[in-house]
Amino acid sequence: MIGDNLPSKSDVVRQYQSYGILAMRIYKPDGDTFNALKGTDIDVMVGVPNEELALYANDASAAASWVQNNILAYDGVSFKYIAVGNEVSGDDANNILPAMSKIWDAICSAGRQDRIMVSTAVRFDVLNNTYPPSNSVFSAPFMGPIVQFLNNTGNPLFANIYPYFAYAGNLGNIPLDYALFTATGTVVSDGQFQYQNLFSAMVDSVYTALEKAGGNNVPVVVSETGWPSYGGVDATVQNAQTYNQNLIRFLTYGTPRVPAYMEGYIFAMFNENQKPGDEVERNFGLFNPDQSPVYPIYFN
């Protein structure tokens, strides 16, 4: 959505349908998007913006109003997940759990707890000692109580997993084929678990940390992942296509530690010309703003 040349929300929803894309993540409520999604059966993950967490952390009625105005008001939209904050850090992280708890209470009060799950989306750097994955622990102190909440309520953890940034930040230490799912044999051995790709090692690092924090029953939903096609080291159309197409195949099989189907959200639908940051940030899209594909991609 961060561009001045993007298609209408209704055109985007039709594009999702034509490509067989089964789920959409948006980072804040958007009425035009919700209206376009009505009756489509496209699952939706919607975010509670970081700057609003303090309000809902301290006011249950405000949290209930958010659920009423942005979820219950849109009958016919297949809401599946609410992400209470995205990559929250610093003192604001202390607002995640109370805000999440109050949003969850409002979902339960509305009788939607069997259809809508509530969590928060975290960066990979909430972990420490991730090599090998079995050594991983949560380094961020706010994560322990969040994990307990998720475990007690049956909600998943949303994790933003970017092998691209791990690779680009460790040139010479991480092989490109390991990051792109194209390694032909084991690259990392970790006891009984053998890793041929960095994505699975990163996801299993999250699972390991969850287990150590008492979250044995907390599944992981990959709330962001992707590879840029321009603007950074090894950010090419070919590498982006290779990563994302292999990712779609890989998600069917899961990881060595959890060999089962897992959900993943590819960042992003479009190249966004107004996204701040380095050039690479504006080139994660699967599609150009005119809706033509940056490269061929198949979702089935």
Protein backbone atom coordinates (compact mmCIF):
# COMPACT_ATOMS: atom_id res chain seq x y z
CA MET A 1 0.00 0.00 0.00
CA ILE A 2 3.02 2.34 0.32
CA GLY A 3 3.03 3.78 -3.18
CA ASP A 4 1.37 6.44 -5.34
CA ASN A 5 0.93 4.22 -8.41
CA LEU A 6 -0.73 1.07 -7.03
CA PRO A 7 -3.95 -0.54 -8.27
CA SER A 8 -7.31 -0.13 -6.58
CA LYS A 9 -8.13 -2.42 -3.66
CA SER A 10 -10.81 -4.21 -5.70
CA ASP A 11 -8.33 -4.82 -8.55
CA VAL A 12 -5.81 -6.22 -6.06
CA VAL A 13 -8.38 -8.62 -4.62
CA ARG A 14 -9.28 -9.81 -8.12
CA GLN A 15 -5.57 -10.38 -8.76
CA TYR A 16 -5.32 -12.50 -5.61
CA GLN A 17 -8.20 -14.60 -6.88
CA SER A 18 -6.79 -14.99 -10.38
CA TYR A 19 -3.46 -16.24 -9.01
CA GLY A 20 -5.02 -18.50 -6.40
CA ILE A 21 -3.47 -16.61 -3.47
CA LEU A 22 -5.30 -17.85 -0.39
CA ALA A 23 -4.44 -15.24 2.24
CA MET A 24 -3.55 -11.57 2.62
CA ARG A 25 -1.68 -9.66 5.29
CA ILE A 26 -2.27 -5.94 5.79
CA TYR A 27 -0.60 -3.89 8.49
CA LYS A 28 -3.55 -1.78 9.62
CA PRO A 29 -7.31 -1.84 9.07
CA ASP A 30 -8.48 -0.53 5.71
CA GLY A 31 -12.18 -0.26 4.95
CA ASP A 32 -11.81 -0.25 1.16
CA THR A 33 -9.75 -3.44 1.33
CA PHE A 34 -12.22 -5.12 3.69
CA ASN A 35 -15.16 -4.21 1.45
CA ALA A 36 -13.34 -5.65 -1.57
CA LEU A 37 -12.62 -8.86 0.37
CA LYS A 38 -16.23 -9.54 1.37
CA GLY A 39 -17.41 -12.93 0.16
CA THR A 40 -14.04 -13.94 -1.33
CA ASP A 41 -12.92 -16.51 1.30
CA ILE A 42 -9.42 -14.96 1.22
CA ASP A 43 -8.07 -15.31 4.76
CA VAL A 44 -6.92 -12.03 6.30
CA MET A 45 -4.22 -11.15 8.80
CA VAL A 46 -4.76 -7.57 9.93
CA GLY A 47 -2.40 -5.56 12.10
CA VAL A 48 -2.92 -3.33 15.09
CA PRO A 49 -0.44 -0.48 14.38
CA ASN A 50 2.50 -0.16 16.77
CA GLU A 51 1.63 3.42 17.64
CA GLU A 52 -1.78 2.34 18.98
CA LEU A 53 -0.58 -0.41 21.32
CA ALA A 54 -0.27 1.85 24.38
CA LEU A 55 -3.92 2.86 24.07
CA TYR A 56 -5.23 -0.71 23.95
CA ALA A 57 -2.77 -1.91 26.59
CA ASN A 58 -4.33 0.47 29.09
CA ASP A 59 -7.98 0.57 27.99
CA ALA A 60 -10.09 -2.56 27.54
CA SER A 61 -13.01 -0.56 26.16
CA ALA A 62 -10.76 0.94 23.46
CA ALA A 63 -9.57 -2.56 22.54
CA ALA A 64 -13.19 -3.75 22.35
CA SER A 65 -14.05 -0.78 20.13
CA TRP A 66 -11.15 -1.64 17.81
CA VAL A 67 -12.47 -5.18 17.42
CA GLN A 68 -16.02 -3.92 16.87
CA ASN A 69 -15.06 -1.26 14.30
CA ASN A 70 -12.45 -3.23 12.37
CA ILE A 71 -13.47 -6.88 12.64
CA LEU A 72 -17.11 -7.36 13.63
CA ALA A 73 -18.31 -4.50 11.43
CA TYR A 74 -17.14 -6.31 8.28
CA ASP A 75 -19.38 -9.33 7.99
CA GLY A 76 -18.35 -11.56 5.11
CA VAL A 77 -14.60 -10.97 5.51
CA SER A 78 -12.62 -14.08 6.46
CA PHE A 79 -10.52 -12.64 9.28
CA LYS A 80 -8.07 -15.28 10.52
CA TYR A 81 -5.34 -13.46 12.44
CA ILE A 82 -4.83 -10.19 14.30
CA ALA A 83 -1.19 -9.13 14.62
CA VAL A 84 -0.93 -6.85 17.65
CA GLY A 85 2.14 -4.88 16.63
CA ASN A 86 4.83 -5.65 14.08
CA GLU A 87 8.50 -5.89 15.09
CA VAL A 88 7.88 -3.78 18.20
CA SER A 89 11.06 -2.90 20.09
CA GLY A 90 12.29 -0.77 22.98
CA ASP A 91 9.97 0.33 25.76
CA ASP A 92 6.96 -0.04 23.45
CA ALA A 93 7.44 -3.81 23.61
CA ASN A 94 6.04 -3.71 27.16
CA ASN A 95 2.67 -2.80 25.64
CA ILE A 96 2.45 -5.90 23.46
CA LEU A 97 1.14 -8.39 26.00
CA PRO A 98 -1.49 -6.20 27.72
CA ALA A 99 -2.76 -4.96 24.34
CA MET A 100 -2.81 -8.48 22.92
CA SER A 101 -4.63 -9.78 25.99
CA LYS A 102 -7.34 -7.12 25.77
CA ILE A 103 -7.82 -7.65 22.02
CA TRP A 104 -8.09 -11.40 22.68
CA ASP A 105 -10.64 -10.80 25.44
CA ALA A 106 -12.72 -8.76 22.99
CA ILE A 107 -12.52 -11.53 20.38
CA CYS A 108 -13.62 -14.07 22.99
CA SER A 109 -16.47 -11.84 24.15
CA ALA A 110 -17.69 -11.71 20.55
CA GLY A 111 -17.54 -15.51 20.33
CA ARG A 112 -14.92 -15.44 17.56
CA GLN A 113 -12.10 -17.21 19.41
CA ASP A 114 -12.53 -20.36 17.32
CA ARG A 115 -12.13 -18.43 14.07
CA ILE A 116 -9.72 -15.58 14.81
CA MET A 117 -6.31 -15.90 16.46
CA VAL A 118 -4.39 -13.09 18.12
CA SER A 119 -0.61 -12.72 18.37
CA THR A 120 2.25 -10.34 17.57
CA ALA A 121 4.81 -10.39 14.76
CA VAL A 122 8.44 -10.49 15.88
CA ARG A 123 11.78 -9.92 14.22
CA PHE A 124 14.36 -12.69 14.18
CA ASP A 125 16.58 -10.66 16.49
CA VAL A 126 14.36 -11.42 19.49
CA LEU A 127 16.49 -14.61 19.48
CA ASN A 128 20.06 -15.26 20.51
CA ASN A 129 22.49 -18.17 19.91
CA THR A 130 20.67 -19.30 16.75
CA TYR A 131 23.59 -21.35 15.40
CA PRO A 132 22.95 -24.18 15.49
CA PRO A 133 19.15 -23.88 15.89
CA SER A 134 19.05 -26.14 18.96
CA ASN A 135 21.03 -23.49 20.94
CA SER A 136 18.46 -20.78 20.28
CA VAL A 137 16.84 -18.82 23.12
CA PHE A 138 14.78 -15.66 23.37
CA SER A 139 17.05 -12.76 24.23
CA ALA A 140 14.27 -10.18 24.48
CA PRO A 141 12.92 -10.26 28.08
CA PHE A 142 9.39 -9.37 27.00
CA MET A 143 9.07 -12.61 25.04
CA GLY A 144 8.72 -15.01 28.01
CA PRO A 145 5.32 -13.74 29.22
CA ILE A 146 4.10 -13.46 25.61
CA VAL A 147 4.99 -17.10 24.98
CA GLN A 148 3.12 -18.15 28.12
CA PHE A 149 0.06 -16.22 26.98
CA LEU A 150 0.15 -17.81 23.53
CA ASN A 151 0.64 -21.28 24.99
CA ASN A 152 -2.27 -20.84 27.42
CA THR A 153 -4.68 -19.44 24.82
CA GLY A 154 -3.79 -21.68 21.87
CA ASN A 155 -2.56 -18.84 19.69
CA PRO A 156 0.49 -18.99 17.35
CA LEU A 157 3.56 -16.80 17.23
CA PHE A 158 4.01 -14.71 14.10
CA ALA A 159 7.65 -14.58 13.00
CA ASN A 160 9.19 -12.45 10.24
CA ILE A 161 11.88 -14.68 8.70
CA TYR A 162 14.35 -13.21 6.19
CA PRO A 163 17.18 -15.44 5.00
CA TYR A 164 18.01 -12.61 2.58
CA PHE A 165 19.06 -10.20 5.34
CA ALA A 166 20.89 -12.95 7.24
CA TYR A 167 22.80 -13.78 4.04
CA ALA A 168 23.48 -10.16 3.04
CA GLY A 169 24.75 -9.37 6.53
CA ASN A 170 27.11 -12.36 6.62
CA LEU A 171 28.69 -12.49 3.17
CA GLY A 172 31.30 -15.19 2.98
CA ASN A 173 29.82 -17.10 5.92
CA ILE A 174 26.45 -18.17 4.47
CA PRO A 175 26.42 -19.85 1.04
CA LEU A 176 23.96 -18.37 -1.45
CA ASP A 177 22.53 -21.77 -2.34
CA TYR A 178 21.79 -22.40 1.35
CA ALA A 179 19.77 -19.16 1.44
CA LEU A 180 17.92 -19.90 -1.83
CA PHE A 181 16.83 -23.50 -1.05
CA THR A 182 19.13 -24.81 -3.80
CA ALA A 183 21.86 -26.55 -1.77
CA THR A 184 22.13 -30.19 -2.88
CA GLY A 185 23.12 -31.62 0.50
CA THR A 186 23.28 -30.93 4.21
CA VAL A 187 24.90 -27.59 5.08
CA VAL A 188 24.28 -27.52 8.84
CA SER A 189 24.08 -30.58 11.08
CA ASP A 190 22.40 -30.09 14.44
CA GLY A 191 22.17 -33.41 16.27
CA GLN A 192 19.39 -35.44 14.67
CA PHE A 193 18.35 -32.52 12.45
CA GLN A 194 19.99 -31.83 9.09
CA TYR A 195 19.53 -28.50 7.30
CA GLN A 196 19.75 -27.88 3.57
CA ASN A 197 18.28 -24.37 3.69
CA LEU A 198 18.61 -21.34 5.92
CA PHE A 199 14.86 -20.71 6.13
CA SER A 200 14.20 -24.00 7.93
CA ALA A 201 17.12 -23.39 10.29
CA MET A 202 15.74 -19.96 11.17
CA VAL A 203 12.21 -21.26 11.72
CA ASP A 204 13.50 -24.12 13.88
CA SER A 205 15.46 -21.58 15.92
CA VAL A 206 12.11 -20.00 16.75
CA TYR A 207 10.60 -23.38 17.64
CA THR A 208 13.56 -24.20 19.88
CA ALA A 209 13.27 -20.90 21.73
CA LEU A 210 9.53 -21.43 22.15
CA GLU A 211 10.10 -24.85 23.70
CA LYS A 212 12.69 -23.47 26.13
CA ALA A 213 10.27 -20.70 27.13
CA GLY A 214 7.46 -23.14 27.84
CA GLY A 215 5.70 -22.71 24.50
CA ASN A 216 5.66 -26.34 23.40
CA ASN A 217 2.14 -25.95 22.02
CA VAL A 218 2.75 -22.68 20.17
CA PRO A 219 2.87 -23.04 16.37
CA VAL A 220 4.83 -20.62 14.20
CA VAL A 221 3.22 -18.70 11.36
CA VAL A 222 5.78 -17.06 9.06
CA SER A 223 4.22 -13.61 8.88
CA GLU A 224 6.81 -12.18 6.46
CA THR A 225 9.47 -13.58 4.22
CA GLY A 226 10.79 -12.74 0.78
CA TRP A 227 13.74 -11.84 -1.44
CA PRO A 228 14.25 -8.54 -3.28
CA SER A 229 14.70 -8.36 -7.05
CA TYR A 230 16.80 -5.16 -7.10
CA GLY A 231 18.75 -2.73 -4.96
CA GLY A 232 21.01 -4.89 -2.80
CA VAL A 233 23.62 -7.63 -2.73
CA ASP A 234 22.42 -10.58 -4.85
CA ALA A 235 19.03 -8.89 -5.15
CA THR A 236 18.23 -10.10 -8.66
CA VAL A 237 15.06 -11.15 -10.44
CA GLN A 238 16.41 -14.69 -10.77
CA ASN A 239 17.29 -15.02 -7.09
CA ALA A 240 13.95 -13.56 -5.99
CA GLN A 241 12.07 -15.98 -8.22
CA THR A 242 14.17 -18.92 -7.03
CA TYR A 243 13.68 -18.08 -3.36
CA ASN A 244 9.95 -17.44 -3.46
CA GLN A 245 9.05 -20.35 -5.74
CA ASN A 246 11.11 -22.76 -3.65
CA LEU A 247 9.58 -21.30 -0.49
CA ILE A 248 6.07 -22.09 -1.72
CA ARG A 249 7.09 -25.70 -2.37
CA PHE A 250 8.96 -25.99 0.92
CA LEU A 251 6.08 -24.77 3.11
CA THR A 252 4.20 -27.95 2.23
CA TYR A 253 6.79 -30.04 4.07
CA GLY A 254 7.73 -27.92 7.07
CA THR A 255 11.08 -28.02 8.85
CA PRO A 256 13.26 -30.85 10.19
CA ARG A 257 12.04 -30.14 13.72
CA VAL A 258 8.37 -29.70 12.73
CA PRO A 259 7.82 -31.64 9.47
CA ALA A 260 4.28 -30.47 8.75
CA TYR A 261 2.54 -27.93 6.52
CA MET A 262 3.15 -24.37 7.66
CA GLU A 263 1.75 -21.02 6.67
CA GLY A 264 3.90 -18.31 5.16
CA TYR A 265 3.18 -14.78 3.94
CA ILE A 266 5.41 -13.53 1.13
CA PHE A 267 6.52 -9.93 1.39
CA ALA A 268 5.30 -8.28 -0.71
CA MET A 269 2.55 -8.18 -3.29
CA PHE A 270 3.90 -5.07 -5.08
CA ASN A 271 7.07 -3.05 -5.43
CA GLU A 272 6.32 0.07 -3.38
CA ASN A 273 7.86 3.30 -4.62
CA GLN A 274 7.19 5.29 -1.44
CA LYS A 275 8.51 2.81 1.11
CA PRO A 276 11.25 4.45 3.19
CA GLY A 277 14.71 3.03 3.69
CA ASP A 278 17.28 1.58 1.33
CA GLU A 279 16.46 0.93 -2.33
CA VAL A 280 16.19 -2.79 -1.64
CA GLU A 281 13.14 -2.15 0.58
CA ARG A 282 11.17 -0.90 -2.42
CA ASN A 283 11.83 -4.00 -4.50
CA PHE A 284 10.42 -7.00 -2.64
CA GLY A 285 7.28 -7.14 -4.76
CA LEU A 286 6.05 -10.15 -6.69
CA PHE A 287 4.26 -7.73 -9.02
CA ASN A 288 4.82 -4.31 -10.54
CA PRO A 289 2.32 -1.53 -9.82
CA ASP A 290 0.66 -2.18 -13.21
CA GLN A 291 -0.05 -5.73 -11.90
CA SER A 292 2.39 -7.40 -14.29
CA PRO A 293 4.60 -10.01 -12.60
CA VAL A 294 8.18 -9.05 -11.77
CA TYR A 295 8.89 -12.73 -12.57
CA PRO A 296 6.71 -15.81 -13.09
CA ILE A 297 5.41 -17.25 -9.81
CA TYR A 298 3.00 -20.10 -9.18
CA PHE A 299 1.07 -20.52 -5.95
CA ASN A 300 -0.32 -24.01 -6.47
